[in-house]
Amino acid sequence: NDYGGNWTRLAPHEPFIPLGGNGSFDSHTCYAAPPIADPKSSSRTLFYYAGGNGPHSGARSDFIALATAPSHTLLGLEAAASNASLLTPPLEVRASRLFLHFDVRSEGEVLAEVLGETDGKLLGAHNIRAAPADEHSPHSRRAELELPQLLVLGTHVQLRLTACVGATLFAAEFAEK
């Protein structure tokens, strides 16, 4: 589902796993396998890839390597010219806290609304304002939202998540910390 918006690459024409520098094992070729979830940490994604130190059709040695990335930053809902929203399918409340992972380019905000699964009734809303990241702060933020007291573990809710202009929403997760 495209949620009524346009999906675009955040870094068009940029390699996902760039070639290494001159003399490195992956200076000339890079072929990635499909990503897999890290079995030791659900917050990390593994990318196994083959790198070569010579031209594609010439003499080279090939190597297997591993690149990693935080799972929540691989895809984002970006609000470019107007606010961008999405409504999740019903989600099971698995913890007492809800966290949002997001970033902003300029002063921006993200809105999270918790809705009842069956009636769509608004159970709670949070508006998070943030300044852009700088060299002293991470590029992705994690904000904790208080869940309405009436929510019980194991029940289901829907989230309506809105990235306002200047913001990118990466993920929402139920967690204890």
Protein backbone atom coordinates (compact mmCIF):
# COMPACT_ATOMS: atom_id res chain seq x y z
CA ASN A 1 0.00 0.00 0.00
CA ASP A 2 1.39 3.43 -0.87
CA TYR A 3 -0.72 5.23 1.82
CA GLY A 4 -1.56 7.90 -0.74
CA GLY A 5 2.02 9.12 -0.98
CA ASN A 6 5.03 8.74 -3.19
CA TRP A 7 7.92 6.47 -2.24
CA THR A 8 11.35 7.76 -3.19
CA ARG A 9 14.90 6.78 -2.34
CA LEU A 10 16.36 9.10 0.28
CA ALA A 11 19.76 8.97 -1.46
CA PRO A 12 19.11 8.37 -5.17
CA HIS A 13 22.08 7.20 -7.26
CA GLU A 14 24.14 6.58 -4.11
CA PRO A 15 25.38 3.02 -3.48
CA PHE A 16 23.77 1.32 -0.49
CA ILE A 17 27.09 -0.35 0.34
CA PRO A 18 29.76 1.86 -1.24
CA LEU A 19 33.00 0.56 -2.71
CA GLY A 20 36.02 0.64 -0.42
CA GLY A 21 39.00 2.90 -0.97
CA ASN A 22 41.98 2.15 -3.22
CA GLY A 23 43.77 -1.01 -2.11
CA SER A 24 40.87 -2.31 -0.02
CA PHE A 25 39.34 -5.76 -0.46
CA ASP A 26 36.16 -4.24 -1.94
CA SER A 27 37.67 -1.43 -4.00
CA HIS A 28 36.19 -2.52 -7.35
CA THR A 29 33.11 -4.73 -6.91
CA CYS A 30 30.35 -5.18 -4.36
CA TYR A 31 27.44 -7.65 -4.59
CA ALA A 32 25.02 -7.80 -1.67
CA ALA A 33 22.82 -10.73 -0.66
CA PRO A 34 19.29 -10.03 0.60
CA PRO A 35 19.31 -8.55 4.13
CA ILE A 36 18.51 -10.70 7.16
CA ALA A 37 17.48 -9.83 10.70
CA ASP A 38 20.28 -10.27 13.21
CA PRO A 39 19.32 -13.38 15.26
CA LYS A 40 21.05 -11.85 18.31
CA SER A 41 19.45 -8.38 18.10
CA SER A 42 16.14 -7.48 16.45
CA SER A 43 17.28 -3.87 16.23
CA ARG A 44 20.04 -4.69 13.73
CA THR A 45 19.96 -5.89 10.12
CA LEU A 46 22.81 -7.87 8.54
CA PHE A 47 24.00 -7.45 4.96
CA TYR A 48 26.45 -10.09 3.74
CA TYR A 49 28.22 -9.05 0.58
CA ALA A 50 31.01 -10.07 -1.75
CA GLY A 51 33.73 -7.53 -2.46
CA GLY A 52 36.47 -7.68 -5.06
CA ASN A 53 39.80 -5.88 -5.34
CA GLY A 54 40.03 -5.88 -9.14
CA PRO A 55 37.88 -5.10 -12.18
CA HIS A 56 34.70 -7.05 -12.82
CA SER A 57 36.08 -8.78 -15.90
CA GLY A 58 39.73 -8.95 -14.87
CA ALA A 59 42.06 -10.47 -12.33
CA ARG A 60 40.88 -9.97 -8.75
CA SER A 61 40.45 -11.67 -5.41
CA ASP A 62 36.94 -11.93 -3.97
CA PHE A 63 36.02 -11.73 -0.30
CA ILE A 64 32.89 -12.14 1.82
CA ALA A 65 32.10 -9.30 4.21
CA LEU A 66 29.39 -8.16 6.60
CA ALA A 67 27.79 -4.73 6.84
CA THR A 68 25.20 -3.86 9.50
CA ALA A 69 22.57 -1.17 9.91
CA PRO A 70 20.02 -0.23 12.58
CA SER A 71 16.81 -1.91 11.43
CA HIS A 72 14.59 1.08 12.14
CA THR A 73 16.46 3.41 9.75
CA LEU A 74 16.23 1.37 6.54
CA LEU A 75 12.92 2.86 5.44
CA GLY A 76 11.21 6.10 6.38
CA LEU A 77 8.04 8.05 5.77
CA GLU A 78 9.25 11.51 4.76
CA ALA A 79 7.09 14.61 4.61
CA ALA A 80 8.53 16.70 1.77
CA ALA A 81 5.94 19.27 0.68
CA SER A 82 3.00 18.42 2.93
CA ASN A 83 2.32 16.24 5.95
CA ALA A 84 2.50 12.47 5.33
CA SER A 85 0.36 10.05 7.37
CA LEU A 86 -0.19 6.34 7.61
CA LEU A 87 -2.59 4.16 9.53
CA THR A 88 -1.19 0.87 10.77
CA PRO A 89 -3.08 -2.40 10.72
CA PRO A 90 -4.17 -3.54 14.20
CA LEU A 91 -1.12 -4.01 16.44
CA GLU A 92 -0.90 -6.00 19.65
CA VAL A 93 0.08 -3.93 22.68
CA ARG A 94 3.20 -5.85 23.79
CA ALA A 95 4.65 -3.43 26.33
CA SER A 96 3.64 -0.46 28.46
CA ARG A 97 5.61 2.04 26.38
CA LEU A 98 5.52 3.13 22.75
CA PHE A 99 8.64 4.57 21.13
CA LEU A 100 8.94 6.45 17.84
CA HIS A 101 12.17 6.59 15.81
CA PHE A 102 12.37 9.72 13.65
CA ASP A 103 14.58 12.52 12.33
CA VAL A 104 14.02 16.14 11.29
CA ARG A 105 15.80 18.32 8.69
CA SER A 106 14.68 21.59 10.23
CA GLU A 107 12.32 22.36 13.07
CA GLY A 108 9.84 19.54 12.61
CA GLU A 109 7.35 17.39 14.39
CA VAL A 110 5.85 13.93 14.43
CA LEU A 111 2.31 13.19 15.62
CA ALA A 112 1.30 9.78 16.98
CA GLU A 113 -2.34 8.94 17.63
CA VAL A 114 -3.47 5.73 19.36
CA LEU A 115 -6.85 4.54 18.09
CA GLY A 116 -9.19 1.80 19.27
CA GLU A 117 -8.97 -1.27 17.03
CA THR A 118 -12.67 -1.71 16.38
CA ASP A 119 -14.18 1.77 16.63
CA GLY A 120 -11.24 3.99 15.61
CA LYS A 121 -11.88 6.12 18.72
CA LEU A 122 -8.94 8.35 19.68
CA LEU A 123 -7.44 6.92 22.88
CA GLY A 124 -4.42 9.20 23.10
CA ALA A 125 -2.25 11.55 21.05
CA HIS A 126 1.31 12.83 21.29
CA ASN A 127 2.93 15.65 19.35
CA ILE A 128 6.73 15.57 19.36
CA ARG A 129 8.68 18.66 18.29
CA ALA A 130 12.41 18.47 17.68
CA ALA A 131 15.33 20.44 16.31
CA PRO A 132 17.60 18.96 13.62
CA ALA A 133 20.45 16.67 14.63
CA ASP A 134 23.92 18.19 14.85
CA GLU A 135 27.39 16.73 15.31
CA HIS A 136 26.63 16.13 19.01
CA SER A 137 23.28 14.36 18.60
CA PRO A 138 22.29 11.17 16.77
CA HIS A 139 20.71 11.38 13.32
CA SER A 140 17.79 9.21 14.41
CA ARG A 141 15.82 10.08 17.55
CA ARG A 142 13.86 7.77 19.81
CA ALA A 143 11.01 9.39 21.72
CA GLU A 144 8.95 7.64 24.38
CA LEU A 145 5.19 8.08 24.40
CA GLU A 146 2.97 7.36 27.36
CA LEU A 147 0.21 4.95 26.48
CA PRO A 148 -3.29 5.59 27.79
CA GLN A 149 -3.89 3.86 31.14
CA LEU A 150 -6.86 1.94 29.73
CA LEU A 151 -4.68 -0.05 27.33
CA VAL A 152 -4.01 -3.61 28.48
CA LEU A 153 -1.18 -5.82 27.31
CA GLY A 154 -2.46 -8.19 24.64
CA THR A 155 -5.17 -5.82 23.37
CA HIS A 156 -4.98 -4.36 19.86
CA VAL A 157 -4.79 -0.75 18.72
CA GLN A 158 -4.10 1.11 15.53
CA LEU A 159 -1.58 3.92 15.22
CA ARG A 160 -2.06 6.93 12.97
CA LEU A 161 1.44 8.33 12.48
CA THR A 162 2.02 11.70 10.83
CA ALA A 163 5.38 13.09 9.78
CA CYS A 164 5.00 16.86 9.40
CA VAL A 165 7.00 18.80 6.81
CA GLY A 166 10.70 18.48 7.58
CA ALA A 167 10.38 15.17 9.45
CA THR A 168 11.01 11.52 8.57
CA LEU A 169 9.36 8.75 10.59
CA PHE A 170 11.33 5.48 10.65
CA ALA A 171 9.56 3.16 13.10
CA ALA A 172 7.18 2.74 16.01
CA GLU A 173 7.74 0.00 18.59
CA PHE A 174 6.23 -1.26 21.80
CA ALA A 175 9.01 -1.82 24.36
CA GLU A 176 9.69 -1.64 28.09
CA LYS A 177 12.79 0.54 27.68
